[in-house]
Protein backbone atom coordinates (compact mmCIF):
# COMPACT_ATOMS: atom_id res chain seq x y z
CA MET A 1 91.29 152.85 149.86
CA THR A 2 90.87 155.29 152.73
CA ILE A 3 93.90 156.11 154.88
CA PRO A 4 93.08 155.57 158.57
CA ASN A 5 92.98 158.77 160.66
CA PHE A 6 93.83 160.81 157.56
CA ASN A 7 91.14 163.31 158.51
CA LYS A 8 93.18 164.25 161.57
CA ILE A 9 96.26 164.90 159.48
CA ILE A 10 94.70 166.92 156.56
CA LYS A 11 91.77 169.15 157.51
CA ASP A 12 91.23 170.56 154.01
CA SER A 13 88.70 168.34 152.30
CA ALA A 14 89.74 169.42 148.79
CA TRP A 15 93.36 168.54 149.36
CA ARG A 16 92.33 165.36 151.02
CA ASN A 17 90.19 164.39 148.00
CA ILE A 18 93.16 164.99 145.69
CA LEU A 19 95.31 162.67 147.73
CA GLU A 20 92.59 160.07 147.80
CA LYS A 21 92.22 160.27 144.05
CA GLU A 22 95.98 160.13 143.58
CA HIS A 23 96.18 157.09 145.78
CA ASP A 24 93.60 155.21 143.76
CA ARG A 25 95.36 155.71 140.42
CA LYS A 26 96.11 152.52 138.50
CA ASP A 27 98.91 153.89 136.30
CA ALA A 28 101.26 155.33 138.92
CA HIS A 29 102.47 155.26 142.50
CA PRO A 30 101.24 157.69 145.18
CA ASP A 31 103.09 160.96 145.42
CA PHE A 32 106.02 161.51 147.79
CA GLN A 33 104.05 163.24 150.52
CA TYR A 34 101.55 160.45 150.71
CA THR A 35 104.27 157.81 150.99
CA LYS A 36 106.02 159.75 153.71
CA GLU A 37 102.81 160.03 155.69
CA LYS A 38 102.13 156.33 155.27
CA TRP A 39 105.58 155.47 156.66
CA GLU A 40 104.98 157.66 159.64
CA GLU A 41 101.68 155.95 160.29
CA LEU A 42 103.23 152.49 160.15
CA LYS A 43 105.95 153.58 162.55
CA ILE A 44 103.31 154.76 165.02
CA ILE A 45 101.42 151.46 164.73
CA LYS A 46 104.62 149.49 165.39
CA GLU A 47 105.46 151.51 168.49
CA VAL A 48 101.95 151.10 169.86
CA THR A 49 102.06 147.33 169.29
CA TRP A 50 105.39 146.92 171.10
CA ALA A 51 104.11 149.02 174.01
CA LYS A 52 101.10 146.75 174.42
CA MET A 53 103.26 143.62 174.32
CA GLU A 54 105.63 144.98 176.94
CA ALA A 55 102.74 145.85 179.20
CA LEU A 56 101.35 142.36 178.81
CA ILE A 57 104.70 140.76 179.69
CA ASN A 58 105.24 142.99 182.70
CA GLY A 59 101.85 142.09 183.99
CA SER A 60 102.46 138.35 183.77
CA ARG A 61 103.53 136.48 186.94
CA PHE A 62 105.99 134.26 185.04
CA TYR A 63 108.29 137.05 183.91
CA ARG A 64 110.40 139.64 185.63
CA LYS A 65 110.02 138.31 189.10
CA PRO A 66 111.71 140.51 191.61
CA SER A 67 115.06 139.00 192.59
CA PRO A 68 115.45 138.15 196.28
CA LYS A 69 117.41 140.55 198.33
CA ARG A 70 120.98 139.50 198.95
CA MET A 71 121.85 138.99 202.55
CA PRO A 72 125.23 140.14 203.77
CA PRO A 73 127.76 137.26 204.18
CA LYS A 74 127.97 135.71 207.55
CA SER A 75 131.15 136.17 209.45
CA PHE A 76 133.06 132.94 210.20
CA PRO A 77 134.86 132.40 213.46
CA SER A 78 138.63 132.58 213.38
CA GLN A 79 138.87 129.10 214.88
CA ILE A 80 136.77 126.13 213.87
CA PRO A 81 135.39 124.46 216.95
CA TYR A 82 136.50 120.84 217.46
CA VAL A 83 133.67 118.32 217.42
CA LYS A 84 134.55 115.06 219.08
CA PRO A 85 133.54 112.11 216.88
CA LYS A 86 131.30 109.50 218.23
CA GLN A 87 132.99 106.37 219.55
CA GLY A 88 131.24 104.03 217.06
CA ARG A 89 132.34 105.98 213.98
CA ARG A 90 135.94 106.02 215.20
CA LYS A 91 135.99 102.24 215.52
CA VAL A 92 134.61 101.82 211.96
CA GLY A 93 137.30 104.13 210.55
CA MET A 94 140.07 102.24 212.31
CA ALA A 95 138.74 98.93 210.97
CA ILE A 96 138.68 100.21 207.38
CA LEU A 97 142.24 101.48 207.73
CA ALA A 98 143.44 98.14 209.09
CA VAL A 99 141.79 96.18 206.26
CA SER A 100 143.32 98.50 203.64
CA ILE A 101 146.85 98.10 205.06
CA ALA A 102 146.46 94.30 205.22
CA THR A 103 145.28 94.16 201.59
CA ILE A 104 148.27 96.19 200.39
CA LEU A 105 150.69 93.94 202.29
CA ILE A 106 149.13 90.76 200.85
CA ILE A 107 149.33 92.07 197.26
CA ALA A 108 152.97 93.10 197.73
CA PHE A 109 153.83 89.65 199.14
CA VAL A 110 152.12 87.79 196.28
CA PHE A 111 153.99 89.66 193.52
CA SER A 112 157.36 89.73 195.29
CA SER A 113 157.30 85.99 196.06
CA GLY A 114 156.60 85.04 192.44
CA ILE A 115 153.25 83.37 193.16
CA VAL A 116 151.72 85.68 190.58
CA GLU A 117 153.79 87.27 187.82
CA LEU A 118 152.68 90.53 186.34
CA ASP A 119 153.31 90.38 182.59
CA ILE A 120 153.42 93.82 181.02
CA GLY A 121 154.68 94.16 177.50
CA THR A 122 156.26 90.69 177.27
CA PRO A 123 155.75 88.71 174.03
CA SER A 124 153.01 86.15 174.05
CA THR A 125 153.36 82.49 173.16
CA PRO A 126 153.66 82.11 169.37
CA SER A 127 150.34 81.43 167.75
CA SER A 128 149.82 78.91 164.97
CA LYS A 129 150.23 81.72 162.45
CA GLU A 130 153.82 82.31 163.64
CA THR A 131 154.94 78.70 163.23
CA THR A 132 156.61 77.00 160.26
CA ILE A 133 154.37 74.60 158.36
CA SER A 134 155.45 72.08 155.71
CA ARG A 135 153.12 70.19 153.44
CA VAL A 136 154.09 66.52 152.96
CA ILE A 137 153.77 65.03 149.46
CA THR A 138 154.51 61.32 148.87
CA GLN A 139 155.54 59.70 145.57
CA GLY A 140 156.93 56.36 144.39
CA LYS A 141 154.73 53.84 146.20
CA ILE A 142 155.38 54.80 149.81
CA SER A 143 152.99 55.99 152.53
CA VAL A 144 153.82 58.12 155.56
CA PHE A 145 152.01 58.00 158.92
CA GLU A 146 152.17 59.75 162.28
CA ASP A 147 151.79 56.58 164.34
CA GLU A 148 153.15 53.05 164.22
CA GLY A 149 149.63 51.69 163.85
CA LEU A 150 149.34 53.50 160.51
CA THR A 151 146.02 55.13 161.39
CA LYS A 152 146.90 58.78 160.76
CA PRO A 153 148.53 59.75 157.45
CA VAL A 154 150.96 62.66 157.54
CA GLN A 155 149.70 65.62 155.52
CA THR A 156 151.45 68.53 157.21
CA ILE A 157 154.17 69.00 159.80
CA ASP A 158 154.11 71.89 162.25
CA TRP A 159 157.71 72.73 163.17
CA GLY A 160 156.77 75.45 165.63
CA LYS A 161 158.65 78.72 165.98
CA VAL A 162 162.09 78.16 164.43
CA GLU A 163 165.37 80.04 164.72
CA SER A 164 168.46 80.35 162.58
CA ASN A 165 171.29 77.84 163.16
CA HIS A 166 168.95 75.40 164.90
CA GLN A 167 167.74 71.87 164.11
CA TYR A 168 164.25 70.44 164.58
CA SER A 169 163.18 66.80 164.33
CA HIS A 170 159.94 64.96 163.62
CA THR A 171 159.32 61.21 163.73
CA ILE A 172 157.25 59.44 161.08
CA TYR A 173 156.52 55.86 159.97
CA VAL A 174 157.12 54.93 156.32
CA ARG A 175 155.51 51.96 154.62
CA ASN A 176 156.76 50.50 151.34
CA ASP A 177 153.58 49.94 149.35
CA ASN A 178 155.22 47.53 146.85
CA GLN A 179 153.69 44.08 147.14
CA GLU A 180 156.44 41.91 145.62
CA GLU A 181 160.21 41.72 145.72
CA TRP A 182 162.01 40.52 142.61
CA LEU A 183 165.78 40.94 142.42
CA ASP A 184 165.53 43.80 144.93
CA TRP A 185 163.49 45.90 142.52
CA GLY A 186 160.70 46.24 145.07
CA LYS A 187 162.97 47.69 147.76
CA ARG A 188 162.89 51.43 148.31
CA ASP A 189 165.12 54.22 149.51
CA ILE A 190 163.56 57.48 150.68
CA VAL A 191 164.43 60.47 148.53
CA TRP A 192 163.50 63.84 150.00
CA GLN A 193 163.23 67.23 148.38
CA ARG A 194 162.37 70.65 149.76
CA GLU A 195 160.36 72.71 147.30
CA ASN A 196 158.42 76.00 147.18
CA VAL A 197 160.03 77.63 150.21
CA ASN A 198 158.11 80.84 150.85
CA PRO A 199 159.66 83.35 151.28
CA SER A 200 162.40 82.01 149.05
CA PHE A 201 165.25 83.78 150.87
CA VAL A 202 164.82 81.47 153.89
CA TYR A 203 167.46 78.76 153.48
CA ILE A 204 166.96 75.32 155.02
CA SER A 205 168.15 71.75 154.65
CA ILE A 206 166.31 68.47 155.19
CA LYS A 207 167.60 65.02 156.10
CA VAL A 208 165.55 61.83 156.50
CA SER A 209 167.22 59.09 158.55
CA TYR A 210 165.69 55.62 158.09
CA GLY A 211 168.60 53.22 158.65
CA ASP A 212 171.35 51.84 156.45
CA THR A 213 169.27 49.45 154.36
CA LYS A 214 166.50 49.79 151.83
CA ILE A 215 162.87 49.37 152.93
CA LYS A 216 161.43 46.03 151.84
CA PRO A 217 157.94 45.64 150.30
CA ASN A 218 155.18 45.97 152.93
CA GLU A 219 157.77 46.89 155.55
CA VAL A 220 157.08 49.73 157.98
CA ARG A 221 160.18 51.68 158.97
CA GLN A 222 160.50 54.43 161.57
CA ALA A 223 162.21 57.51 160.15
CA THR A 224 163.31 60.85 161.54
CA ILE A 225 163.02 64.05 159.54
CA THR A 226 165.50 66.73 160.59
CA LEU A 227 164.97 70.35 159.58
CA THR A 228 168.04 72.59 159.77
CA VAL A 229 167.47 76.35 159.51
CA LEU A 230 170.67 77.71 157.96
CA GLY A 231 169.76 81.40 157.75
CA LEU A 232 168.67 83.95 155.17
CA LEU A 233 170.06 84.26 151.65
CA GLU A 234 170.95 87.91 151.12
CA ASP A 235 172.32 87.05 147.69
CA SER A 236 172.80 83.93 145.61
CA ASP A 237 176.24 83.44 147.17
CA LYS A 238 175.86 85.14 150.57
CA LEU A 239 174.21 83.46 153.56
CA ASN A 240 173.44 85.28 156.80
CA PRO A 241 173.38 82.53 159.47
CA ASN A 242 172.44 84.89 162.32
CA ALA A 243 169.41 86.59 160.81
CA ASP A 244 165.96 86.55 162.40
CA ILE A 245 163.85 83.93 160.65
CA PRO A 246 160.34 84.99 159.60
CA GLN A 247 157.39 82.65 159.37
CA PHE A 248 157.74 80.47 156.28
CA THR A 249 156.23 77.43 154.59
CA PHE A 250 157.59 74.78 152.24
CA ASP A 251 156.68 71.52 150.52
CA LEU A 252 158.46 68.33 151.65
CA ILE A 253 158.44 65.71 148.91
CA LEU A 254 159.13 62.13 150.08
CA LYS A 255 159.72 59.73 147.20
CA GLY A 256 160.27 55.98 147.21
CA GLN A 257 163.15 55.16 144.84
CA ASP A 258 165.69 52.39 144.37
CA LEU A 259 168.92 54.39 144.44
CA SER A 260 172.21 53.34 142.90
CA LEU A 261 175.29 52.98 145.06
CA PHE A 262 177.19 55.34 142.79
CA THR A 263 177.02 59.02 143.67
CA TYR A 264 177.90 60.18 140.15
CA ALA A 265 174.65 58.69 138.90
CA TYR A 266 172.77 61.61 140.48
CA ILE A 267 175.35 64.37 141.10
CA ARG A 268 177.38 65.72 138.19
CA THR A 269 179.95 68.49 138.11
CA TYR A 270 182.51 69.49 135.50
CA ALA A 271 184.41 72.53 134.23
CA ASN A 272 185.16 73.99 130.80
CA ARG A 273 187.95 76.40 129.92
CA ASP A 274 187.87 78.85 127.04
CA ALA A 275 190.79 81.31 126.97
CA ASN A 276 190.18 83.67 129.93
CA ASN A 277 186.92 82.00 130.99
CA ILE A 278 186.52 79.02 133.33
CA THR A 279 182.95 77.72 133.66
CA VAL A 280 181.79 75.30 136.38
CA VAL A 281 178.57 73.31 135.90
CA TYR A 282 176.81 71.54 138.79
CA LYS A 283 173.59 69.47 138.88
CA ASP A 284 172.04 67.39 141.66
CA GLU A 285 169.11 65.34 140.42
CA LEU A 286 168.15 64.42 143.99
CA LYS A 287 167.94 68.12 144.92
CA GLU A 288 169.51 67.45 148.29
CA THR A 289 172.47 69.83 148.02
CA ILE A 290 173.14 72.17 150.93
CA SER A 291 176.05 74.20 149.54
CA VAL A 292 178.78 74.08 146.91
CA ILE A 293 182.13 75.89 147.39
CA ILE A 294 184.14 76.56 144.23
CA GLU A 295 187.84 77.38 144.54
CA ILE A 296 190.28 78.08 141.70
CA GLY A 297 193.96 78.45 142.57
CA VAL A 298 197.57 77.99 141.63
CA TRP A 299 199.93 75.55 143.30
CA LYS A 300 202.93 77.16 144.89
CA THR A 301 206.34 76.26 143.38
CA ASN A 302 208.27 76.00 146.64
CA GLY A 303 207.66 72.30 146.93
CA ASP A 304 204.80 72.52 149.43
CA ARG A 305 201.39 71.22 148.39
CA ILE A 306 199.70 74.53 149.14
CA MET A 307 197.28 76.14 146.71
CA ASP A 308 197.06 79.89 146.40
CA VAL A 309 193.34 80.58 145.81
CA VAL A 310 192.81 83.29 143.18
CA TRP A 311 189.02 83.07 142.86
CA ASN A 312 186.20 81.43 144.83
CA SER A 313 182.43 81.35 145.02
CA THR A 314 179.78 79.67 147.20
CA ARG A 315 176.43 78.61 145.80
CA TYR A 316 173.32 77.44 147.64
CA ALA A 317 171.49 75.60 144.90
CA SER A 318 171.09 72.09 143.48
CA GLU A 319 171.78 73.26 139.94
CA PHE A 320 173.82 76.18 138.62
CA THR A 321 176.47 77.41 136.17
CA GLU A 322 179.25 79.67 137.47
CA THR A 323 181.90 81.43 135.32
CA TRP A 324 185.19 83.14 136.22
CA LEU A 325 186.09 85.70 133.57
CA GLU A 326 189.62 86.75 134.59
CA ALA A 327 191.75 83.65 134.14
CA ASP A 328 195.20 84.00 132.53
CA ILE A 329 195.29 81.95 129.33
CA TYR A 330 198.90 80.82 129.93
CA THR A 331 198.41 79.78 133.59
CA SER A 332 197.29 76.33 134.68
CA TYR A 333 194.73 76.28 137.50
CA GLN A 334 193.52 73.77 140.03
CA LEU A 335 189.75 73.58 140.48
CA ILE A 336 188.38 72.21 143.78
CA VAL A 337 184.61 71.85 144.26
CA THR A 338 183.52 71.05 147.85
CA ILE A 339 179.99 69.64 148.00
CA ASN A 340 177.95 69.62 151.21
CA HIS A 341 175.11 67.17 150.63
CA GLU A 342 172.17 66.16 152.82
CA ARG A 343 172.43 62.46 151.90
CA TYR A 344 176.07 61.88 151.04
CA GLY A 345 177.69 64.35 153.41
CA THR A 346 180.75 66.38 152.34
CA TRP A 347 183.28 65.50 149.65
CA GLU A 348 185.54 67.17 147.09
CA TRP A 349 185.69 67.02 143.31
CA ARG A 350 188.87 68.20 141.55
CA GLN A 351 189.88 69.06 138.02
CA TYR A 352 193.17 70.42 136.70
CA LEU A 353 192.79 73.09 134.00
CA VAL A 354 195.87 73.41 131.80
CA GLY A 355 196.81 76.78 130.31
CA GLN A 356 197.96 77.45 126.74
CA LEU A 357 201.61 77.26 125.75
CA PRO A 358 203.29 80.64 125.15
């Protein structure tokens, strides 16, 4: 390979031949002097190339246009001359102003008079998801309908948005599906039960009013279901009657049954005493109990029939067992159980528990 313009750099042909021979060697690199000269040559080529490109750019009409000369800023008068508007434009401006003022006055009158109420941040009407729904389940050969014509069976009841310490009613029509009456066996009472309350801490009671007599076979009787929202159970024996009630659901079981006239056939309560322990057992087969108040006390010895209560408990269940563990084995106690029942109302059951002899 011949170095371009190398003849101008090295005049001595012998020395130049040595460099050429050294350059063409296959087993080594060129010597230092040759490499240095080659770098210098490349640097010259680069500078020449950039000079040509710059000349080409400067000669183009699309680049480096001379910027226009800046004119000195005009001097503004100290006072702006007044230009009198045309008469037509002034009338248009006055009309727009009048319309704007009239619109503002009309809007203010509408809102202040109550014709239109602006609702910002107020709660909306409860949706169906916020209401209390109960599923209706029938048993014991009775049918339940929404209308007297018996065309629409009751499957669910929407109680709406409910609150604590409030009652809500719903009218239904009950048909006794028994076909025959033999010694009153075909007649039916309505037994109701509230099951599967969800959430379970919502406490309610149900009462079905259908008259004072049993429903005869094939008879249709109007009945009223009353839902009472009692509050929230914060514990098994503590009811908060003023709590906010969340959305809840429950099953309402309506059963046709020939009930006995004797209350004790369905509601049983008794107490056992073992040394320092007094145990109270309660069971309501109808599952219509609202509350049970247990009081254990001692009668005062001053001649007055006044009981000094030494222990008490309130339960909100149709079946339970409650035990007092601190009774004195030598003291006799009076037990009073007050039952608040959806069907039978309120009554007391008493038992005297005798202590051991010293």
